[in-house]
Amino acid sequence: EADWVLMDIEMATVDGLTATRQLRAAHPEARVVIVTQYSDEEVR
C-alpha cells in the first residue's frame, strides 16, 4: 500500500482501465495513477 502504479490507458492487449480494475479487485490497497494522453472529463 506504500507503493504506486503509473498506468497508461491505451495499450494493445489489456488496456489500462481494465488492468486497473483487475489490479484493484485483487489488491484493494493498490494505488494507481492513470497517466494518459487523454485529458477529457469522460476519461478522467
ModelCIF file with pLDDT and N, C-alpha, C, O atoms, coordinates in Angstrom:
data_MODEL
#
_entry.id   MODEL 
#
_entity.id                         1 
_entity.type                       polymer 
_entity.pdbx_number_of_molecules   1 
#
_entity_poly.entity_id                      1 
_entity_poly.type                           'polypeptide(L)' 
_entity_poly.nstd_linkage                   no 
_entity_poly.nstd_monomer                   no 
_entity_poly.pdbx_seq_one_letter_code       EADWVLMDIEMATVDGLTATRQLRAAHPEARVVIVTQYSDEEVR 
_entity_poly.pdbx_seq_one_letter_code_can   EADWVLMDIEMATVDGLTATRQLRAAHPEARVVIVTQYSDEEVR 
_entity_poly.pdbx_strand_id                 A 
#
loop_
_entity_poly_seq.entity_id 
_entity_poly_seq.num 
_entity_poly_seq.mon_id 
_entity_poly_seq.hetero 
1 1  GLU n 
1 2  ALA n 
1 3  ASP n 
1 4  TRP n 
1 5  VAL n 
1 6  LEU n 
1 7  MET n 
1 8  ASP n 
1 9  ILE n 
1 10 GLU n 
1 11 MET n 
1 12 ALA n 
1 13 THR n 
1 14 VAL n 
1 15 ASP n 
1 16 GLY n 
1 17 LEU n 
1 18 THR n 
1 19 ALA n 
1 20 THR n 
1 21 ARG n 
1 22 GLN n 
1 23 LEU n 
1 24 ARG n 
1 25 ALA n 
1 26 ALA n 
1 27 HIS n 
1 28 PRO n 
1 29 GLU n 
1 30 ALA n 
1 31 ARG n 
1 32 VAL n 
1 33 VAL n 
1 34 ILE n 
1 35 VAL n 
1 36 THR n 
1 37 GLN n 
1 38 TYR n 
1 39 SER n 
1 40 ASP n 
1 41 GLU n 
1 42 GLU n 
1 43 VAL n 
1 44 ARG n 
#
_struct_asym.id          A 
_struct_asym.entity_id   1 
#
loop_
_ma_qa_metric.id 
_ma_qa_metric.mode 
_ma_qa_metric.name 
_ma_qa_metric.software_group_id 
_ma_qa_metric.type 
1 global pLDDT . pLDDT 
2 local  pLDDT . pLDDT 
#
_ma_qa_metric_global.metric_id      1 
_ma_qa_metric_global.metric_value   94.86 
_ma_qa_metric_global.model_id       1 
_ma_qa_metric_global.ordinal_id     1 
#
loop_
_ma_qa_metric_local.label_asym_id 
_ma_qa_metric_local.label_comp_id 
_ma_qa_metric_local.label_seq_id 
_ma_qa_metric_local.metric_id 
_ma_qa_metric_local.metric_value 
_ma_qa_metric_local.model_id 
_ma_qa_metric_local.ordinal_id 
A GLU 1  2 86.00 1 1  
A ALA 2  2 87.00 1 2  
A ASP 3  2 94.00 1 3  
A TRP 4  2 96.00 1 4  
A VAL 5  2 98.00 1 5  
A LEU 6  2 98.00 1 6  
A MET 7  2 98.00 1 7  
A ASP 8  2 97.00 1 8  
A ILE 9  2 96.00 1 9  
A GLU 10 2 94.00 1 10 
A MET 11 2 94.00 1 11 
A ALA 12 2 88.00 1 12 
A THR 13 2 90.00 1 13 
A VAL 14 2 95.00 1 14 
A ASP 15 2 96.00 1 15 
A GLY 16 2 97.00 1 16 
A LEU 17 2 97.00 1 17 
A THR 18 2 97.00 1 18 
A ALA 19 2 97.00 1 19 
A THR 20 2 98.00 1 20 
A ARG 21 2 97.00 1 21 
A GLN 22 2 96.00 1 22 
A LEU 23 2 96.00 1 23 
A ARG 24 2 96.00 1 24 
A ALA 25 2 96.00 1 25 
A ALA 26 2 95.00 1 26 
A HIS 27 2 95.00 1 27 
A PRO 28 2 94.00 1 28 
A GLU 29 2 93.00 1 29 
A ALA 30 2 95.00 1 30 
A ARG 31 2 95.00 1 31 
A VAL 32 2 97.00 1 32 
A VAL 33 2 98.00 1 33 
A ILE 34 2 98.00 1 34 
A VAL 35 2 98.00 1 35 
A THR 36 2 96.00 1 36 
A GLN 37 2 95.00 1 37 
A TYR 38 2 92.00 1 38 
A SER 39 2 87.00 1 39 
A ASP 40 2 91.00 1 40 
A GLU 41 2 95.00 1 41 
A GLU 42 2 95.00 1 42 
A VAL 43 2 95.00 1 43 
A ARG 44 2 96.00 1 44 
#
loop_
_atom_site.group_PDB 
_atom_site.id 
_atom_site.type_symbol 
_atom_site.label_atom_id 
_atom_site.label_alt_id 
_atom_site.label_comp_id 
_atom_site.label_asym_id 
_atom_site.label_entity_id 
_atom_site.label_seq_id 
_atom_site.pdbx_PDB_ins_code 
_atom_site.Cartn_x 
_atom_site.Cartn_y 
_atom_site.Cartn_z 
_atom_site.occupancy 
_atom_site.B_iso_or_equiv 
_atom_site.pdbx_formal_charge 
_atom_site.auth_seq_id 
_atom_site.auth_comp_id 
_atom_site.auth_asym_id 
_atom_site.auth_atom_id 
_atom_site.pdbx_PDB_model_num 
ATOM 1   N N  . GLU A 1 1  ? 0.807   -1.218 0.000   1.00 86.00 ? 1  GLU A N  1 
ATOM 2   C CA . GLU A 1 1  ? 0.000   0.000  0.000   1.00 86.00 ? 1  GLU A CA 1 
ATOM 3   C C  . GLU A 1 1  ? 0.841   1.269  0.000   1.00 86.00 ? 1  GLU A C  1 
ATOM 4   O O  . GLU A 1 1  ? 0.307   2.354  -0.230  1.00 86.00 ? 1  GLU A O  1 
ATOM 5   N N  . ALA A 1 2  ? 2.137   1.163  0.251   1.00 87.00 ? 2  ALA A N  1 
ATOM 6   C CA . ALA A 1 2  ? 3.022   2.333  0.220   1.00 87.00 ? 2  ALA A CA 1 
ATOM 7   C C  . ALA A 1 2  ? 3.585   2.587  -1.179  1.00 87.00 ? 2  ALA A C  1 
ATOM 8   O O  . ALA A 1 2  ? 4.310   3.560  -1.387  1.00 87.00 ? 2  ALA A O  1 
ATOM 9   N N  . ASP A 1 3  ? 3.262   1.728  -2.129  1.00 94.00 ? 3  ASP A N  1 
ATOM 10  C CA . ASP A 1 3  ? 3.835   1.792  -3.469  1.00 94.00 ? 3  ASP A CA 1 
ATOM 11  C C  . ASP A 1 3  ? 2.822   2.346  -4.469  1.00 94.00 ? 3  ASP A C  1 
ATOM 12  O O  . ASP A 1 3  ? 1.641   2.495  -4.153  1.00 94.00 ? 3  ASP A O  1 
ATOM 13  N N  . TRP A 1 4  ? 3.294   2.647  -5.674  1.00 96.00 ? 4  TRP A N  1 
ATOM 14  C CA . TRP A 1 4  ? 2.471   3.278  -6.702  1.00 96.00 ? 4  TRP A CA 1 
ATOM 15  C C  . TRP A 1 4  ? 2.552   2.520  -8.032  1.00 96.00 ? 4  TRP A C  1 
ATOM 16  O O  . TRP A 1 4  ? 3.577   1.931  -8.375  1.00 96.00 ? 4  TRP A O  1 
ATOM 17  N N  . VAL A 1 5  ? 1.438   2.556  -8.764  1.00 98.00 ? 5  VAL A N  1 
ATOM 18  C CA . VAL A 1 5  ? 1.364   2.038  -10.128 1.00 98.00 ? 5  VAL A CA 1 
ATOM 19  C C  . VAL A 1 5  ? 1.018   3.216  -11.028 1.00 98.00 ? 5  VAL A C  1 
ATOM 20  O O  . VAL A 1 5  ? 0.016   3.899  -10.811 1.00 98.00 ? 5  VAL A O  1 
ATOM 21  N N  . LEU A 1 6  ? 1.853   3.453  -12.043 1.00 98.00 ? 6  LEU A N  1 
ATOM 22  C CA . LEU A 1 6  ? 1.614   4.510  -13.016 1.00 98.00 ? 6  LEU A CA 1 
ATOM 23  C C  . LEU A 1 6  ? 1.168   3.831  -14.302 1.00 98.00 ? 6  LEU A C  1 
ATOM 24  O O  . LEU A 1 6  ? 1.968   3.180  -14.973 1.00 98.00 ? 6  LEU A O  1 
ATOM 25  N N  . MET A 1 7  ? -0.105  3.980  -14.648 1.00 98.00 ? 7  MET A N  1 
ATOM 26  C CA . MET A 1 7  ? -0.745  3.158  -15.680 1.00 98.00 ? 7  MET A CA 1 
ATOM 27  C C  . MET A 1 7  ? -1.221  3.982  -16.873 1.00 98.00 ? 7  MET A C  1 
ATOM 28  O O  . MET A 1 7  ? -2.016  4.910  -16.724 1.00 98.00 ? 7  MET A O  1 
ATOM 29  N N  . ASP A 1 8  ? -0.728  3.633  -18.050 1.00 97.00 ? 8  ASP A N  1 
ATOM 30  C CA . ASP A 1 8  ? -1.244  4.204  -19.295 1.00 97.00 ? 8  ASP A CA 1 
ATOM 31  C C  . ASP A 1 8  ? -2.631  3.624  -19.542 1.00 97.00 ? 8  ASP A C  1 
ATOM 32  O O  . ASP A 1 8  ? -2.983  2.604  -18.950 1.00 97.00 ? 8  ASP A O  1 
ATOM 33  N N  . ILE A 1 9  ? -3.418  4.249  -20.398 1.00 96.00 ? 9  ILE A N  1 
ATOM 34  C CA . ILE A 1 9  ? -4.745  3.715  -20.740 1.00 96.00 ? 9  ILE A CA 1 
ATOM 35  C C  . ILE A 1 9  ? -4.693  2.887  -22.011 1.00 96.00 ? 9  ILE A C  1 
ATOM 36  O O  . ILE A 1 9  ? -5.131  1.737  -22.027 1.00 96.00 ? 9  ILE A O  1 
ATOM 37  N N  . GLU A 1 10 ? -4.161  3.465  -23.073 1.00 94.00 ? 10 GLU A N  1 
ATOM 38  C CA . GLU A 1 10 ? -4.230  2.814  -24.385 1.00 94.00 ? 10 GLU A CA 1 
ATOM 39  C C  . GLU A 1 10 ? -3.041  1.888  -24.600 1.00 94.00 ? 10 GLU A C  1 
ATOM 40  O O  . GLU A 1 10 ? -1.929  2.334  -24.882 1.00 94.00 ? 10 GLU A O  1 
ATOM 41  N N  . MET A 1 11 ? -3.300  0.573  -24.461 1.00 94.00 ? 11 MET A N  1 
ATOM 42  C CA . MET A 1 11 ? -2.271  -0.446 -24.664 1.00 94.00 ? 11 MET A CA 1 
ATOM 43  C C  . MET A 1 11 ? -2.898  -1.598 -25.444 1.00 94.00 ? 11 MET A C  1 
ATOM 44  O O  . MET A 1 11 ? -4.117  -1.774 -25.425 1.00 94.00 ? 11 MET A O  1 
ATOM 45  N N  . ALA A 1 12 ? -2.080  -2.369 -26.116 1.00 88.00 ? 12 ALA A N  1 
ATOM 46  C CA . ALA A 1 12 ? -2.556  -3.357 -27.083 1.00 88.00 ? 12 ALA A CA 1 
ATOM 47  C C  . ALA A 1 12 ? -3.396  -4.493 -26.493 1.00 88.00 ? 12 ALA A C  1 
ATOM 48  O O  . ALA A 1 12 ? -4.555  -4.651 -26.877 1.00 88.00 ? 12 ALA A O  1 
ATOM 49  N N  . THR A 1 13 ? -2.858  -5.266 -25.596 1.00 90.00 ? 13 THR A N  1 
ATOM 50  C CA . THR A 1 13 ? -3.544  -6.477 -25.156 1.00 90.00 ? 13 THR A CA 1 
ATOM 51  C C  . THR A 1 13 ? -4.620  -6.201 -24.119 1.00 90.00 ? 13 THR A C  1 
ATOM 52  O O  . THR A 1 13 ? -5.786  -6.539 -24.322 1.00 90.00 ? 13 THR A O  1 
ATOM 53  N N  . VAL A 1 14 ? -4.234  -5.590 -23.014 1.00 95.00 ? 14 VAL A N  1 
ATOM 54  C CA . VAL A 1 14 ? -5.190  -5.213 -21.960 1.00 95.00 ? 14 VAL A CA 1 
ATOM 55  C C  . VAL A 1 14 ? -5.002  -3.724 -21.695 1.00 95.00 ? 14 VAL A C  1 
ATOM 56  O O  . VAL A 1 14 ? -3.909  -3.281 -21.342 1.00 95.00 ? 14 VAL A O  1 
ATOM 57  N N  . ASP A 1 15 ? -6.076  -2.953 -21.869 1.00 96.00 ? 15 ASP A N  1 
ATOM 58  C CA . ASP A 1 15 ? -5.980  -1.509 -21.678 1.00 96.00 ? 15 ASP A CA 1 
ATOM 59  C C  . ASP A 1 15 ? -5.818  -1.173 -20.192 1.00 96.00 ? 15 ASP A C  1 
ATOM 60  O O  . ASP A 1 15 ? -6.062  -2.011 -19.324 1.00 96.00 ? 15 ASP A O  1 
ATOM 61  N N  . GLY A 1 16 ? -5.411  0.039  -19.923 1.00 97.00 ? 16 GLY A N  1 
ATOM 62  C CA . GLY A 1 16 ? -5.121  0.464  -18.564 1.00 97.00 ? 16 GLY A CA 1 
ATOM 63  C C  . GLY A 1 16 ? -6.324  0.511  -17.643 1.00 97.00 ? 16 GLY A C  1 
ATOM 64  O O  . GLY A 1 16 ? -6.186  0.259  -16.446 1.00 97.00 ? 16 GLY A O  1 
ATOM 65  N N  . LEU A 1 17 ? -7.500  0.828  -18.165 1.00 97.00 ? 17 LEU A N  1 
ATOM 66  C CA . LEU A 1 17 ? -8.685  0.854  -17.307 1.00 97.00 ? 17 LEU A CA 1 
ATOM 67  C C  . LEU A 1 17 ? -9.048  -0.554 -16.850 1.00 97.00 ? 17 LEU A C  1 
ATOM 68  O O  . LEU A 1 17 ? -9.366  -0.771 -15.681 1.00 97.00 ? 17 LEU A O  1 
ATOM 69  N N  . THR A 1 18 ? -8.999  -1.510 -17.777 1.00 97.00 ? 18 THR A N  1 
ATOM 70  C CA . THR A 1 18 ? -9.273  -2.902 -17.422 1.00 97.00 ? 18 THR A CA 1 
ATOM 71  C C  . THR A 1 18 ? -8.225  -3.415 -16.441 1.00 97.00 ? 18 THR A C  1 
ATOM 72  O O  . THR A 1 18 ? -8.562  -4.068 -15.455 1.00 97.00 ? 18 THR A O  1 
ATOM 73  N N  . ALA A 1 19 ? -6.958  -3.120 -16.709 1.00 97.00 ? 19 ALA A N  1 
ATOM 74  C CA . ALA A 1 19 ? -5.881  -3.557 -15.819 1.00 97.00 ? 19 ALA A CA 1 
ATOM 75  C C  . ALA A 1 19 ? -6.020  -2.937 -14.432 1.00 97.00 ? 19 ALA A C  1 
ATOM 76  O O  . ALA A 1 19 ? -5.762  -3.599 -13.426 1.00 97.00 ? 19 ALA A O  1 
ATOM 77  N N  . THR A 1 20 ? -6.425  -1.677 -14.375 1.00 98.00 ? 20 THR A N  1 
ATOM 78  C CA . THR A 1 20 ? -6.634  -1.017 -13.081 1.00 98.00 ? 20 THR A CA 1 
ATOM 79  C C  . THR A 1 20 ? -7.745  -1.705 -12.313 1.00 98.00 ? 20 THR A C  1 
ATOM 80  O O  . THR A 1 20 ? -7.601  -1.981 -11.122 1.00 98.00 ? 20 THR A O  1 
ATOM 81  N N  . ARG A 1 21 ? -8.850  -1.985 -12.984 1.00 97.00 ? 21 ARG A N  1 
ATOM 82  C CA . ARG A 1 21 ? -9.974  -2.665 -12.339 1.00 97.00 ? 21 ARG A CA 1 
ATOM 83  C C  . ARG A 1 21 ? -9.549  -4.042 -11.808 1.00 97.00 ? 21 ARG A C  1 
ATOM 84  O O  . ARG A 1 21 ? -9.890  -4.403 -10.682 1.00 97.00 ? 21 ARG A O  1 
ATOM 85  N N  . GLN A 1 22 ? -8.812  -4.804 -12.612 1.00 96.00 ? 22 GLN A N  1 
ATOM 86  C CA . GLN A 1 22 ? -8.357  -6.134 -12.199 1.00 96.00 ? 22 GLN A CA 1 
ATOM 87  C C  . GLN A 1 22 ? -7.379  -6.050 -11.025 1.00 96.00 ? 22 GLN A C  1 
ATOM 88  O O  . GLN A 1 22 ? -7.461  -6.829 -10.075 1.00 96.00 ? 22 GLN A O  1 
ATOM 89  N N  . LEU A 1 23 ? -6.469  -5.106 -11.109 1.00 96.00 ? 23 LEU A N  1 
ATOM 90  C CA . LEU A 1 23 ? -5.473  -4.940 -10.051 1.00 96.00 ? 23 LEU A CA 1 
ATOM 91  C C  . LEU A 1 23 ? -6.136  -4.555 -8.735  1.00 96.00 ? 23 LEU A C  1 
ATOM 92  O O  . LEU A 1 23 ? -5.808  -5.114 -7.688  1.00 96.00 ? 23 LEU A O  1 
ATOM 93  N N  . ARG A 1 24 ? -7.062  -3.608 -8.780  1.00 96.00 ? 24 ARG A N  1 
ATOM 94  C CA . ARG A 1 24 ? -7.741  -3.165 -7.553  1.00 96.00 ? 24 ARG A CA 1 
ATOM 95  C C  . ARG A 1 24 ? -8.670  -4.239 -7.001  1.00 96.00 ? 24 ARG A C  1 
ATOM 96  O O  . ARG A 1 24 ? -8.877  -4.304 -5.789  1.00 96.00 ? 24 ARG A O  1 
ATOM 97  N N  . ALA A 1 25 ? -9.233  -5.082 -7.862  1.00 96.00 ? 25 ALA A N  1 
ATOM 98  C CA . ALA A 1 25 ? -10.080 -6.184 -7.380  1.00 96.00 ? 25 ALA A CA 1 
ATOM 99  C C  . ALA A 1 25 ? -9.236  -7.187 -6.602  1.00 96.00 ? 25 ALA A C  1 
ATOM 100 O O  . ALA A 1 25 ? -9.671  -7.703 -5.572  1.00 96.00 ? 25 ALA A O  1 
ATOM 101 N N  . ALA A 1 26 ? -8.046  -7.459 -7.087  1.00 95.00 ? 26 ALA A N  1 
ATOM 102 C CA . ALA A 1 26 ? -7.154  -8.423 -6.427  1.00 95.00 ? 26 ALA A CA 1 
ATOM 103 C C  . ALA A 1 26 ? -6.408  -7.799 -5.249  1.00 95.00 ? 26 ALA A C  1 
ATOM 104 O O  . ALA A 1 26 ? -6.093  -8.480 -4.274  1.00 95.00 ? 26 ALA A O  1 
ATOM 105 N N  . HIS A 1 27 ? -6.128  -6.500 -5.347  1.00 95.00 ? 27 HIS A N  1 
ATOM 106 C CA . HIS A 1 27 ? -5.338  -5.797 -4.316  1.00 95.00 ? 27 HIS A CA 1 
ATOM 107 C C  . HIS A 1 27 ? -5.979  -4.429 -4.065  1.00 95.00 ? 27 HIS A C  1 
ATOM 108 O O  . HIS A 1 27 ? -5.550  -3.432 -4.646  1.00 95.00 ? 27 HIS A O  1 
ATOM 109 N N  . PRO A 1 28 ? -6.995  -4.372 -3.211  1.00 94.00 ? 28 PRO A N  1 
ATOM 110 C CA . PRO A 1 28 ? -7.707  -3.109 -2.968  1.00 94.00 ? 28 PRO A CA 1 
ATOM 111 C C  . PRO A 1 28 ? -6.810  -1.980 -2.468  1.00 94.00 ? 28 PRO A C  1 
ATOM 112 O O  . PRO A 1 28 ? -7.157  -0.806 -2.602  1.00 94.00 ? 28 PRO A O  1 
ATOM 113 N N  . GLU A 1 29 ? -5.671  -2.324 -1.900  1.00 93.00 ? 29 GLU A N  1 
ATOM 114 C CA . GLU A 1 29 ? -4.750  -1.308 -1.388  1.00 93.00 ? 29 GLU A CA 1 
ATOM 115 C C  . GLU A 1 29 ? -3.903  -0.656 -2.480  1.00 93.00 ? 29 GLU A C  1 
ATOM 116 O O  . GLU A 1 29 ? -3.228  0.341  -2.223  1.00 93.00 ? 29 GLU A O  1 
ATOM 117 N N  . ALA A 1 30 ? -3.932  -1.206 -3.691  1.00 95.00 ? 30 ALA A N  1 
ATOM 118 C CA . ALA A 1 30 ? -3.093  -0.702 -4.786  1.00 95.00 ? 30 ALA A CA 1 
ATOM 119 C C  . ALA A 1 30 ? -3.436  0.756  -5.091  1.00 95.00 ? 30 ALA A C  1 
ATOM 120 O O  . ALA A 1 30 ? -4.603  1.130  -5.201  1.00 95.00 ? 30 ALA A O  1 
ATOM 121 N N  . ARG A 1 31 ? -2.393  1.562  -5.223  1.00 95.00 ? 31 ARG A N  1 
ATOM 122 C CA . ARG A 1 31 ? -2.569  2.977  -5.569  1.00 95.00 ? 31 ARG A CA 1 
ATOM 123 C C  . ARG A 1 31 ? -2.159  3.158  -7.027  1.00 95.00 ? 31 ARG A C  1 
ATOM 124 O O  . ARG A 1 31 ? -0.981  3.085  -7.375  1.00 95.00 ? 31 ARG A O  1 
ATOM 125 N N  . VAL A 1 32 ? -3.166  3.397  -7.873  1.00 97.00 ? 32 VAL A N  1 
ATOM 126 C CA . VAL A 1 32 ? -2.954  3.508  -9.316  1.00 97.00 ? 32 VAL A CA 1 
ATOM 127 C C  . VAL A 1 32 ? -3.205  4.948  -9.761  1.00 97.00 ? 32 VAL A C  1 
ATOM 128 O O  . VAL A 1 32 ? -4.243  5.538  -9.463  1.00 97.00 ? 32 VAL A O  1 
ATOM 129 N N  . VAL A 1 33 ? -2.230  5.491  -10.477 1.00 98.00 ? 33 VAL A N  1 
ATOM 130 C CA . VAL A 1 33 ? -2.384  6.793  -11.114 1.00 98.00 ? 33 VAL A CA 1 
ATOM 131 C C  . VAL A 1 33 ? -2.420  6.546  -12.618 1.00 98.00 ? 33 VAL A C  1 
ATOM 132 O O  . VAL A 1 33 ? -1.494  5.968  -13.188 1.00 98.00 ? 33 VAL A O  1 
ATOM 133 N N  . ILE A 1 34 ? -3.487  6.986  -13.242 1.00 98.00 ? 34 ILE A N  1 
ATOM 134 C CA . ILE A 1 34 ? -3.591  6.881  -14.694 1.00 98.00 ? 34 ILE A CA 1 
ATOM 135 C C  . ILE A 1 34 ? -2.751  7.995  -15.314 1.00 98.00 ? 34 ILE A C  1 
ATOM 136 O O  . ILE A 1 34 ? -2.896  9.166  -14.961 1.00 98.00 ? 34 ILE A O  1 
ATOM 137 N N  . VAL A 1 35 ? -1.870  7.617  -16.242 1.00 98.00 ? 35 VAL A N  1 
ATOM 138 C CA . VAL A 1 35 ? -1.008  8.565  -16.955 1.00 98.00 ? 35 VAL A CA 1 
ATOM 139 C C  . VAL A 1 35 ? -1.335  8.394  -18.437 1.00 98.00 ? 35 VAL A C  1 
ATOM 140 O O  . VAL A 1 35 ? -1.007  7.371  -19.037 1.00 98.00 ? 35 VAL A O  1 
ATOM 141 N N  . THR A 1 36 ? -1.980  9.398  -19.019 1.00 96.00 ? 36 THR A N  1 
ATOM 142 C CA . THR A 1 36 ? -2.531  9.218  -20.355 1.00 96.00 ? 36 THR A CA 1 
ATOM 143 C C  . THR A 1 36 ? -2.453  10.473 -21.210 1.00 96.00 ? 36 THR A C  1 
ATOM 144 O O  . THR A 1 36 ? -2.295  11.583 -20.703 1.00 96.00 ? 36 THR A O  1 
ATOM 145 N N  . GLN A 1 37 ? -2.569  10.271 -22.519 1.00 95.00 ? 37 GLN A N  1 
ATOM 146 C CA . GLN A 1 37 ? -2.618  11.406 -23.448 1.00 95.00 ? 37 GLN A CA 1 
ATOM 147 C C  . GLN A 1 37 ? -3.996  12.044 -23.468 1.00 95.00 ? 37 GLN A C  1 
ATOM 148 O O  . GLN A 1 37 ? -4.153  13.143 -24.000 1.00 95.00 ? 37 GLN A O  1 
ATOM 149 N N  . TYR A 1 38 ? -5.001  11.381 -22.900 1.00 92.00 ? 38 TYR A N  1 
ATOM 150 C CA . TYR A 1 38 ? -6.367  11.900 -22.898 1.00 92.00 ? 38 TYR A CA 1 
ATOM 151 C C  . TYR A 1 38 ? -6.603  12.722 -21.636 1.00 92.00 ? 38 TYR A C  1 
ATOM 152 O O  . TYR A 1 38 ? -6.219  12.318 -20.539 1.00 92.00 ? 38 TYR A O  1 
ATOM 153 N N  . SER A 1 39 ? -7.234  13.873 -21.803 1.00 87.00 ? 39 SER A N  1 
ATOM 154 C CA . SER A 1 39 ? -7.461  14.716 -20.629 1.00 87.00 ? 39 SER A CA 1 
ATOM 155 C C  . SER A 1 39 ? -8.923  15.126 -20.464 1.00 87.00 ? 39 SER A C  1 
ATOM 156 O O  . SER A 1 39 ? -9.244  15.950 -19.608 1.00 87.00 ? 39 SER A O  1 
ATOM 157 N N  . ASP A 1 40 ? -9.805  14.556 -21.275 1.00 91.00 ? 40 ASP A N  1 
ATOM 158 C CA . ASP A 1 40 ? -11.210 14.964 -21.167 1.00 91.00 ? 40 ASP A CA 1 
ATOM 159 C C  . ASP A 1 40 ? -11.866 14.367 -19.914 1.00 91.00 ? 40 ASP A C  1 
ATOM 160 O O  . ASP A 1 40 ? -11.405 13.367 -19.364 1.00 91.00 ? 40 ASP A O  1 
ATOM 161 N N  . GLU A 1 41 ? -12.925 14.997 -19.496 1.00 95.00 ? 41 GLU A N  1 
ATOM 162 C CA . GLU A 1 41 ? -13.607 14.638 -18.244 1.00 95.00 ? 41 GLU A CA 1 
ATOM 163 C C  . GLU A 1 41 ? -14.172 13.220 -18.277 1.00 95.00 ? 41 GLU A C  1 
ATOM 164 O O  . GLU A 1 41 ? -14.194 12.542 -17.250 1.00 95.00 ? 41 GLU A O  1 
ATOM 165 N N  . GLU A 1 42 ? -14.623 12.769 -19.431 1.00 95.00 ? 42 GLU A N  1 
ATOM 166 C CA . GLU A 1 42 ? -15.191 11.419 -19.554 1.00 95.00 ? 42 GLU A CA 1 
ATOM 167 C C  . GLU A 1 42 ? -14.134 10.349 -19.237 1.00 95.00 ? 42 GLU A C  1 
ATOM 168 O O  . GLU A 1 42 ? -14.421 9.377  -18.538 1.00 95.00 ? 42 GLU A O  1 
ATOM 169 N N  . VAL A 1 43 ? -12.937 10.531 -19.744 1.00 95.00 ? 43 VAL A N  1 
ATOM 170 C CA . VAL A 1 43 ? -11.854 9.576  -19.490 1.00 95.00 ? 43 VAL A CA 1 
ATOM 171 C C  . VAL A 1 43 ? -11.434 9.641  -18.018 1.00 95.00 ? 43 VAL A C  1 
ATOM 172 O O  . VAL A 1 43 ? -11.196 8.608  -17.391 1.00 95.00 ? 43 VAL A O  1 
ATOM 173 N N  . ARG A 1 44 ? -11.346 10.836 -17.482 1.00 96.00 ? 44 ARG A N  1 
ATOM 174 C CA . ARG A 1 44 ? -10.992 11.017 -16.063 1.00 96.00 ? 44 ARG A CA 1 
ATOM 175 C C  . ARG A 1 44 ? -12.013 10.315 -15.166 1.00 96.00 ? 44 ARG A C  1 
ATOM 176 O O  . ARG A 1 44 ? -11.888 10.353 -13.941 1.00 96.00 ? 44 ARG A O  1 
#
